[in-house]
C-alpha atoms as a PDB file:
ATOM      1  CA  MET A   1     -85.948  59.314 -20.077  1.00  0.00           C
ATOM      2  CA  LEU A   2     -82.209  58.861 -19.921  1.00  0.00           C
ATOM      3  CA  TYR A   3     -80.644  55.527 -20.305  1.00  0.00           C
ATOM      4  CA  LEU A   4     -77.097  54.895 -19.249  1.00  0.00           C
ATOM      5  CA  TYR A   5     -75.316  52.230 -21.026  1.00  0.00           C
ATOM      6  CA  THR A   6     -72.281  50.718 -19.411  1.00  0.00           C
ATOM      7  CA  LYS A   7     -69.931  48.521 -21.402  1.00  0.00           C
ATOM      8  CA  PHE A   8     -67.879  46.167 -19.270  1.00  0.00           C
ATOM      9  CA  ALA A   9     -64.545  45.164 -20.639  1.00  0.00           C
ATOM     10  CA  ASP A  10     -63.632  41.623 -21.279  1.00  0.00           C
ATOM     11  CA  PRO A  11     -62.321  39.929 -18.311  1.00  0.00           C
ATOM     12  CA  LEU A  12     -58.488  39.597 -18.100  1.00  0.00           C
ATOM     13  CA  PRO A  13     -57.154  36.302 -19.064  1.00  0.00           C
ATOM     14  CA  LEU A  14     -56.198  34.211 -16.186  1.00  0.00           C
ATOM     15  CA  SER A  15     -52.447  33.314 -16.036  1.00  0.00           C
ATOM     16  CA  VAL A  16     -51.515  30.028 -14.457  1.00  0.00           C
ATOM     17  CA  SER A  17     -47.964  28.972 -13.930  1.00  0.00           C
ATOM     18  CA  SER A  18     -47.131  25.339 -12.919  1.00  0.00           C
ATOM     19  CA  VAL A  19     -43.876  24.235 -11.560  1.00  0.00           C
ATOM     20  CA  VAL A  20     -43.368  20.562 -11.403  1.00  0.00           C
ATOM     21  CA  THR A  21     -40.620  19.223  -9.318  1.00  0.00           C
ATOM     22  CA  GLN A  22     -39.347  15.751  -9.320  1.00  0.00           C
ATOM     23  CA  LYS A  23     -37.512  14.351  -6.373  1.00  0.00           C
ATOM     24  CA  THR A  24     -35.362  11.237  -6.749  1.00  0.00           C
ATOM     25  CA  ASP A  25     -34.352   9.599  -3.662  1.00  0.00           C
ATOM     26  CA  THR A  26     -31.063   7.680  -3.903  1.00  0.00           C
ATOM     27  CA  PHE A  27     -29.359   5.039  -1.818  1.00  0.00           C
ATOM     28  CA  SER A  28     -25.658   4.142  -1.842  1.00  0.00           C
ATOM     29  CA  VAL A  29     -23.908   1.114  -0.873  1.00  0.00           C
ATOM     30  CA  THR A  30     -20.350  -0.089  -0.793  1.00  0.00           C
ATOM     31  CA  GLY A  31     -19.007  -3.605  -1.593  1.00  0.00           C
ATOM     32  CA  GLU A  32     -15.533  -5.085  -1.469  1.00  0.00           C
ATOM     33  CA  GLY A  33     -13.980  -7.961  -3.351  1.00  0.00           C
ATOM     34  CA  LYS A  34     -10.805  -9.658  -2.716  1.00  0.00           C
ATOM     35  CA  VAL A  35      -8.793 -12.238  -4.697  1.00  0.00           C
ATOM     36  CA  THR A  36      -5.716 -14.078  -3.353  1.00  0.00           C
ATOM     37  CA  VAL A  37      -2.827 -14.446  -5.852  1.00  0.00           C
ATOM     38  CA  VAL A  38       0.637 -15.830  -5.883  1.00  0.00           C
ATOM     39  CA  PRO A  39       3.252 -13.373  -7.269  1.00  0.00           C
ATOM     40  CA  ASP A  40       4.806 -14.384 -10.504  1.00  0.00           C
ATOM     41  CA  ILE A  41       7.411 -11.500 -10.866  1.00  0.00           C
ATOM     42  CA  ALA A  42      10.173 -10.572  -8.504  1.00  0.00           C
ATOM     43  CA  ILE A  43      11.920  -7.169  -8.671  1.00  0.00           C
ATOM     44  CA  THR A  44      15.311  -6.608  -6.909  1.00  0.00           C
ATOM     45  CA  ASN A  45      17.975  -3.896  -6.848  1.00  0.00           C
ATOM     46  CA  LEU A  46      21.551  -5.137  -7.019  1.00  0.00           C
ATOM     47  CA  GLY A  47      24.530  -2.855  -6.601  1.00  0.00           C
ATOM     48  CA  VAL A  48      28.190  -2.568  -6.351  1.00  0.00           C
ATOM     49  CA  GLN A  49      30.147  -0.202  -4.179  1.00  0.00           C
ATOM     50  CA  THR A  50      33.929   0.466  -4.625  1.00  0.00           C
ATOM     51  CA  GLN A  51      36.646   2.607  -3.392  1.00  0.00           C
ATOM     52  CA  GLY A  52      40.002   3.707  -4.828  1.00  0.00           C
ATOM     53  CA  ALA A  53      42.764   6.203  -4.712  1.00  0.00           C
ATOM     54  CA  THR A  54      41.891   7.899  -8.029  1.00  0.00           C
ATOM     55  CA  ALA A  55      38.501   8.533  -9.856  1.00  0.00           C
ATOM     56  CA  LYS A  56      39.752   6.406 -12.752  1.00  0.00           C
ATOM     57  CA  GLN A  57      40.827   3.531 -10.656  1.00  0.00           C
ATOM     58  CA  THR A  58      37.569   3.562  -8.735  1.00  0.00           C
ATOM     59  CA  GLN A  59      35.524   3.774 -12.003  1.00  0.00           C
ATOM     60  CA  ASN A  60      37.387   0.858 -13.676  1.00  0.00           C
ATOM     61  CA  ASP A  61      36.871  -1.332 -10.566  1.00  0.00           C
ATOM     62  CA  LEU A  62      33.131  -0.440 -10.486  1.00  0.00           C
ATOM     63  CA  ASN A  63      32.729  -1.027 -14.234  1.00  0.00           C
ATOM     64  CA  LYS A  64      34.344  -4.464 -14.029  1.00  0.00           C
ATOM     65  CA  LYS A  65      32.182  -5.531 -11.125  1.00  0.00           C
ATOM     66  CA  ILE A  66      28.798  -4.193 -12.255  1.00  0.00           C
ATOM     67  CA  ASN A  67      29.376  -5.558 -15.814  1.00  0.00           C
ATOM     68  CA  ALA A  68      30.242  -8.979 -14.344  1.00  0.00           C
ATOM     69  CA  VAL A  69      26.968  -8.911 -12.369  1.00  0.00           C
ATOM     70  CA  SER A  70      24.980  -7.953 -15.433  1.00  0.00           C
ATOM     71  CA  ASP A  71      26.575 -10.450 -17.747  1.00  0.00           C
ATOM     72  CA  ALA A  72      26.138 -13.364 -15.151  1.00  0.00           C
ATOM     73  CA  ILE A  73      22.416 -12.499 -14.819  1.00  0.00           C
ATOM     74  CA  LYS A  74      21.915 -12.438 -18.527  1.00  0.00           C
ATOM     75  CA  LYS A  75      23.249 -15.987 -18.665  1.00  0.00           C
ATOM     76  CA  LEU A  76      20.362 -17.082 -16.553  1.00  0.00           C
ATOM     77  CA  ASP A  77      18.002 -16.120 -19.440  1.00  0.00           C
ATOM     78  CA  ILE A  78      17.029 -12.792 -17.980  1.00  0.00           C
ATOM     79  CA  ASP A  79      16.010 -10.532 -20.830  1.00  0.00           C
ATOM     80  CA  GLU A  80      18.065  -7.312 -21.315  1.00  0.00           C
ATOM     81  CA  LYS A  81      14.796  -5.303 -21.195  1.00  0.00           C
ATOM     82  CA  ASP A  82      14.334  -6.497 -17.500  1.00  0.00           C
ATOM     83  CA  ILE A  83      17.822  -5.253 -16.519  1.00  0.00           C
ATOM     84  CA  GLN A  84      17.940  -1.452 -16.001  1.00  0.00           C
ATOM     85  CA  THR A  85      20.715   0.736 -14.621  1.00  0.00           C
ATOM     86  CA  THR A  86      19.059   2.975 -11.903  1.00  0.00           C
ATOM     87  CA  ASN A  87      22.190   4.602 -10.381  1.00  0.00           C
ATOM     88  CA  TYR A  88      25.807   5.301 -11.392  1.00  0.00           C
ATOM     89  CA  SER A  89      27.874   7.732  -9.357  1.00  0.00           C
ATOM     90  CA  ILE A  90      31.459   8.539  -8.428  1.00  0.00           C
ATOM     91  CA  TYR A  91      32.388  11.044  -5.799  1.00  0.00           C
ATOM     92  CA  PRO A  92      35.476  12.051  -3.843  1.00  0.00           C
ATOM     93  CA  ASN A  93      36.140  11.682  -0.178  1.00  0.00           C
ATOM     94  CA  TYR A  94      37.304  14.792   1.624  1.00  0.00           C
ATOM     95  CA  ASP A  95      39.466  15.224   4.650  1.00  0.00           C
ATOM     96  CA  TYR A  96      38.981  18.648   6.330  1.00  0.00           C
ATOM     97  CA  MET A  97      42.177  19.470   8.062  1.00  0.00           C
ATOM     98  CA  ASP A  98      43.487  22.866   9.053  1.00  0.00           C
ATOM     99  CA  ARG A  99      40.604  24.466   7.409  1.00  0.00           C
ATOM    100  CA  PHE A 100      41.608  23.121   4.040  1.00  0.00           C
ATOM    101  CA  GLN A 101      39.820  20.243   2.228  1.00  0.00           C
ATOM    102  CA  LYS A 102      41.915  17.434   0.722  1.00  0.00           C
ATOM    103  CA  ILE A 103      40.670  14.562  -1.426  1.00  0.00           C
ATOM    104  CA  THR A 104      41.699  11.303   0.130  1.00  0.00           C
ATOM    105  CA  GLY A 105      40.184   8.939  -2.252  1.00  0.00           C
ATOM    106  CA  TYR A 106      36.967   8.172  -4.237  1.00  0.00           C
ATOM    107  CA  ASN A 107      33.838   6.212  -3.723  1.00  0.00           C
ATOM    108  CA  ALA A 108      31.664   4.824  -6.643  1.00  0.00           C
ATOM    109  CA  ASN A 109      28.458   2.852  -6.801  1.00  0.00           C
ATOM    110  CA  ALA A 110      26.226   1.468  -9.388  1.00  0.00           C
ATOM    111  CA  THR A 111      22.695  -0.121  -8.991  1.00  0.00           C
ATOM    112  CA  ILE A 112      20.730  -2.147 -11.482  1.00  0.00           C
ATOM    113  CA  LEU A 113      17.134  -3.151 -11.231  1.00  0.00           C
ATOM    114  CA  VAL A 114      16.381  -6.744 -12.269  1.00  0.00           C
ATOM    115  CA  LYS A 115      12.860  -7.999 -13.025  1.00  0.00           C
ATOM    116  CA  VAL A 116      12.724 -11.753 -12.721  1.00  0.00           C
ATOM    117  CA  ARG A 117       9.763 -13.291 -14.495  1.00  0.00           C
ATOM    118  CA  ASP A 118      10.653 -16.811 -13.513  1.00  0.00           C
ATOM    119  CA  MET A 119      10.160 -16.952  -9.895  1.00  0.00           C
ATOM    120  CA  ASP A 120      12.277 -20.184  -9.621  1.00  0.00           C
ATOM    121  CA  LYS A 121      15.358 -18.088 -10.582  1.00  0.00           C
ATOM    122  CA  ILE A 122      15.119 -15.187  -8.036  1.00  0.00           C
ATOM    123  CA  ASN A 123      17.368 -16.979  -5.526  1.00  0.00           C
ATOM    124  CA  GLU A 124      19.837 -17.882  -8.239  1.00  0.00           C
ATOM    125  CA  VAL A 125      19.927 -14.266  -9.475  1.00  0.00           C
ATOM    126  CA  ILE A 126      20.870 -12.956  -6.077  1.00  0.00           C
ATOM    127  CA  ASP A 127      23.522 -15.592  -5.301  1.00  0.00           C
ATOM    128  CA  ILE A 128      25.228 -15.284  -8.710  1.00  0.00           C
ATOM    129  CA  ALA A 129      25.120 -11.504  -8.393  1.00  0.00           C
ATOM    130  CA  THR A 130      26.953 -11.477  -5.036  1.00  0.00           C
ATOM    131  CA  ALA A 131      29.354 -14.069  -6.277  1.00  0.00           C
ATOM    132  CA  GLN A 132      30.319 -11.589  -9.149  1.00  0.00           C
ATOM    133  CA  GLY A 133      30.898  -8.719  -6.748  1.00  0.00           C
ATOM    134  CA  ALA A 134      27.394  -7.158  -5.878  1.00  0.00           C
ATOM    135  CA  ASN A 135      27.680  -6.042  -2.321  1.00  0.00           C
ATOM    136  CA  THR A 136      24.361  -4.250  -2.027  1.00  0.00           C
ATOM    137  CA  ILE A 137      20.817  -5.689  -2.323  1.00  0.00           C
ATOM    138  CA  GLY A 138      18.149  -2.985  -2.248  1.00  0.00           C
ATOM    139  CA  GLY A 139      15.238  -5.298  -1.479  1.00  0.00           C
ATOM    140  CA  ILE A 140      12.642  -7.602  -3.112  1.00  0.00           C
ATOM    141  CA  ASN A 141       9.334  -6.470  -4.541  1.00  0.00           C
ATOM    142  CA  PHE A 142       6.698  -8.947  -5.807  1.00  0.00           C
ATOM    143  CA  ASP A 143       4.227  -8.191  -8.499  1.00  0.00           C
ATOM    144  CA  ILE A 144       1.633  -9.952 -10.764  1.00  0.00           C
ATOM    145  CA  ALA A 145       2.013 -10.155 -14.524  1.00  0.00           C
ATOM    146  CA  ASP A 146      -1.745 -10.473 -15.410  1.00  0.00           C
ATOM    147  CA  ARG A 147      -3.067  -8.012 -12.832  1.00  0.00           C
ATOM    148  CA  SER A 148      -6.258  -7.239 -14.883  1.00  0.00           C
ATOM    149  CA  LYS A 149      -7.540 -10.769 -14.527  1.00  0.00           C
ATOM    150  CA  ALA A 150      -7.317 -10.696 -10.746  1.00  0.00           C
ATOM    151  CA  GLU A 151      -8.866  -7.225 -10.724  1.00  0.00           C
ATOM    152  CA  ASP A 152     -11.813  -8.339 -12.858  1.00  0.00           C
ATOM    153  CA  GLU A 153     -12.489 -11.189 -10.514  1.00  0.00           C
ATOM    154  CA  ALA A 154     -12.255  -9.037  -7.498  1.00  0.00           C
ATOM    155  CA  ARG A 155     -14.425  -6.372  -9.133  1.00  0.00           C
ATOM    156  CA  GLN A 156     -17.184  -8.960  -9.808  1.00  0.00           C
ATOM    157  CA  LYS A 157     -17.150 -10.003  -6.165  1.00  0.00           C
ATOM    158  CA  ALA A 158     -17.243  -6.402  -4.967  1.00  0.00           C
ATOM    159  CA  PHE A 159     -20.358  -5.693  -7.159  1.00  0.00           C
ATOM    160  CA  GLN A 160     -22.044  -8.917  -5.907  1.00  0.00           C
ATOM    161  CA  ASP A 161     -21.255  -7.767  -2.343  1.00  0.00           C
ATOM    162  CA  ALA A 162     -22.633  -4.267  -2.801  1.00  0.00           C
ATOM    163  CA  PHE A 163     -25.860  -5.665  -4.637  1.00  0.00           C
ATOM    164  CA  LYS A 164     -26.550  -8.157  -1.853  1.00  0.00           C
ATOM    165  CA  LYS A 165     -26.226  -5.368   0.712  1.00  0.00           C
ATOM    166  CA  ALA A 166     -28.527  -3.086  -1.216  1.00  0.00           C
ATOM    167  CA  GLN A 167     -31.167  -5.884  -1.429  1.00  0.00           C
ATOM    168  CA  GLN A 168     -30.956  -6.547   2.277  1.00  0.00           C
ATOM    169  CA  ALA A 169     -31.263  -2.870   3.133  1.00  0.00           C
ATOM    170  CA  ALA A 170     -34.213  -2.412   0.760  1.00  0.00           C
ATOM    171  CA  LYS A 171     -36.054  -5.367   2.335  1.00  0.00           C
ATOM    172  CA  ILE A 172     -35.456  -3.984   5.811  1.00  0.00           C
ATOM    173  CA  ALA A 173     -36.318  -0.418   5.110  1.00  0.00           C
ATOM    174  CA  GLY A 174     -39.227  -1.294   2.852  1.00  0.00           C
ATOM    175  CA  PHE A 175     -38.280   0.289  -0.434  1.00  0.00           C
ATOM    176  CA  GLN A 176     -37.471  -1.028  -3.962  1.00  0.00           C
ATOM    177  CA  LEU A 177     -34.273  -0.602  -5.756  1.00  0.00           C
ATOM    178  CA  GLY A 178     -34.427   1.268  -9.012  1.00  0.00           C
ATOM    179  CA  ARG A 179     -31.813   1.793 -11.709  1.00  0.00           C
ATOM    180  CA  VAL A 180     -28.040   2.302 -10.964  1.00  0.00           C
ATOM    181  CA  ILE A 181     -27.302   5.965 -11.318  1.00  0.00           C
ATOM    182  CA  ASN A 182     -23.739   6.170 -10.200  1.00  0.00           C
ATOM    183  CA  TYR A 183     -20.766   3.730  -9.881  1.00  0.00           C
ATOM    184  CA  SER A 184     -17.328   4.187  -8.560  1.00  0.00           C
ATOM    185  CA  GLU A 185     -14.444   1.980  -7.680  1.00  0.00           C
ATOM    186  CA  ASN A 186     -11.045   1.933  -6.008  1.00  0.00           C
ATOM    187  CA  THR A 187      -8.488  -0.719  -6.782  1.00  0.00           C
ATOM    188  CA  GLY A 188      -5.992  -1.479  -4.018  1.00  0.00           C
ATOM    189  CA  ASN A 189      -2.460  -2.545  -5.335  1.00  0.00           C
ATOM    190  CA  PRO A 190      -0.880  -5.571  -3.726  1.00  0.00           C
ATOM    191  CA  PRO A 191       1.604  -4.567  -0.995  1.00  0.00           C
ATOM    192  CA  PHE A 192       5.326  -4.802  -1.531  1.00  0.00           C
ATOM    193  CA  TYR A 193       7.387  -7.048   0.702  1.00  0.00           C
ATOM    194  CA  PRO A 194      10.828  -5.300   0.979  1.00  0.00           C
ATOM    195  CA  MET A 195      13.780  -6.862   2.654  1.00  0.00           C
ATOM    196  CA  PRO A 196      16.457  -4.840   4.411  1.00  0.00           C
ATOM    197  CA  MET A 197      19.395  -3.512   2.531  1.00  0.00           C
ATOM    198  CA  ILE A 198      22.361  -5.880   2.572  1.00  0.00           C
ATOM    199  CA  ARG A 199      25.739  -4.215   2.336  1.00  0.00           C
ATOM    200  CA  SER A 200      28.071  -7.134   2.279  1.00  0.00           C
ATOM    201  CA  ALA A 201      28.427  -9.945  -0.166  1.00  0.00           C
ATOM    202  CA  ILE A 202      27.291 -13.414   0.741  1.00  0.00           C
ATOM    203  CA  THR A 203      30.307 -15.576   1.638  1.00  0.00           C
ATOM    204  CA  GLU A 204      28.738 -18.732   2.805  1.00  0.00           C
ATOM    205  CA  LYS A 205      28.699 -20.975  -0.377  1.00  0.00           C
ATOM    206  CA  ASP A 206      26.621 -23.701   1.562  1.00  0.00           C
ATOM    207  CA  ALA A 207      23.998 -21.203   2.559  1.00  0.00           C
ATOM    208  CA  PRO A 208      21.983 -20.382  -0.608  1.00  0.00           C
ATOM    209  CA  THR A 209      19.334 -17.532  -0.686  1.00  0.00           C
ATOM    210  CA  SER A 210      15.873 -18.573  -0.026  1.00  0.00           C
ATOM    211  CA  ILE A 211      13.166 -15.982  -1.032  1.00  0.00           C
ATOM    212  CA  GLU A 212       9.517 -16.982  -0.567  1.00  0.00           C
ATOM    213  CA  PRO A 213       6.993 -14.926  -2.489  1.00  0.00           C
ATOM    214  CA  GLY A 214       4.016 -15.940  -0.381  1.00  0.00           C
ATOM    215  CA  SER A 215       0.617 -14.637  -1.492  1.00  0.00           C
ATOM    216  CA  GLN A 216      -0.980 -11.304  -1.953  1.00  0.00           C
ATOM    217  CA  GLU A 217      -4.506  -9.863  -2.052  1.00  0.00           C
ATOM    218  CA  VAL A 218      -5.887  -7.869  -4.907  1.00  0.00           C
ATOM    219  CA  THR A 219      -8.722  -5.759  -3.387  1.00  0.00           C
ATOM    220  CA  VAL A 220     -11.523  -3.727  -5.403  1.00  0.00           C
ATOM    221  CA  THR A 221     -14.031  -1.552  -3.540  1.00  0.00           C
ATOM    222  CA  VAL A 222     -17.048  -0.299  -5.411  1.00  0.00           C
ATOM    223  CA  THR A 223     -19.720   2.251  -4.440  1.00  0.00           C
ATOM    224  CA  ILE A 224     -23.041   1.980  -6.207  1.00  0.00           C
ATOM    225  CA  SER A 225     -25.922   4.472  -6.083  1.00  0.00           C
ATOM    226  CA  TYR A 226     -29.518   3.278  -6.776  1.00  0.00           C
ATOM    227  CA  GLU A 227     -32.732   5.111  -7.296  1.00  0.00           C
ATOM    228  CA  ILE A 228     -35.325   4.334  -4.619  1.00  0.00           C
ATOM    229  CA  ARG A 229     -38.790   3.444  -5.735  1.00  0.00           C
END
């Protein structure tokens, strides 16, 4: 009798791969915070324009007037570091006759930027500058010395605004807020309030300058992203 033996090989091992994916739903909300502040710094550009027959004459006239303006401003206890020369130029005037150019005189101008940290002095600075020969006023800009304090207050209000909106949305939509996973912000600078260029000296002694700083808003906008649970 013939017997047939068959050996079966061991079964192949079963290979199992498991891929686990985790989906995180997020929710973003934007909040805004505003703080109203009164400017405590005024910045103005004061200048002198002169004309003369020669470059040297024009320059001397310019130097005398702009130095007189600067010296007078310093006597108002304006620190030298807050007075900066931003322009100084001398250039010829030409007359183009018969296809030839001829110098007929010279123009010169100089401008100083003055930062006034005592707001009560801004009107006096402008009046004394024009009295000493300044015949251009480039404008008035207002600023805040301690901007970070106002920004911190506005930032806190913006965060509270965003968090309140997120809570309201979660309640309406039926989800829970998880941890904060992203935060971004944008800080808006207070706007400048320029005044038009004045090209003639103030001649009315009984009509002093009256500059009013008003108020400004420091704005911070934040965007916060939460996990949804």
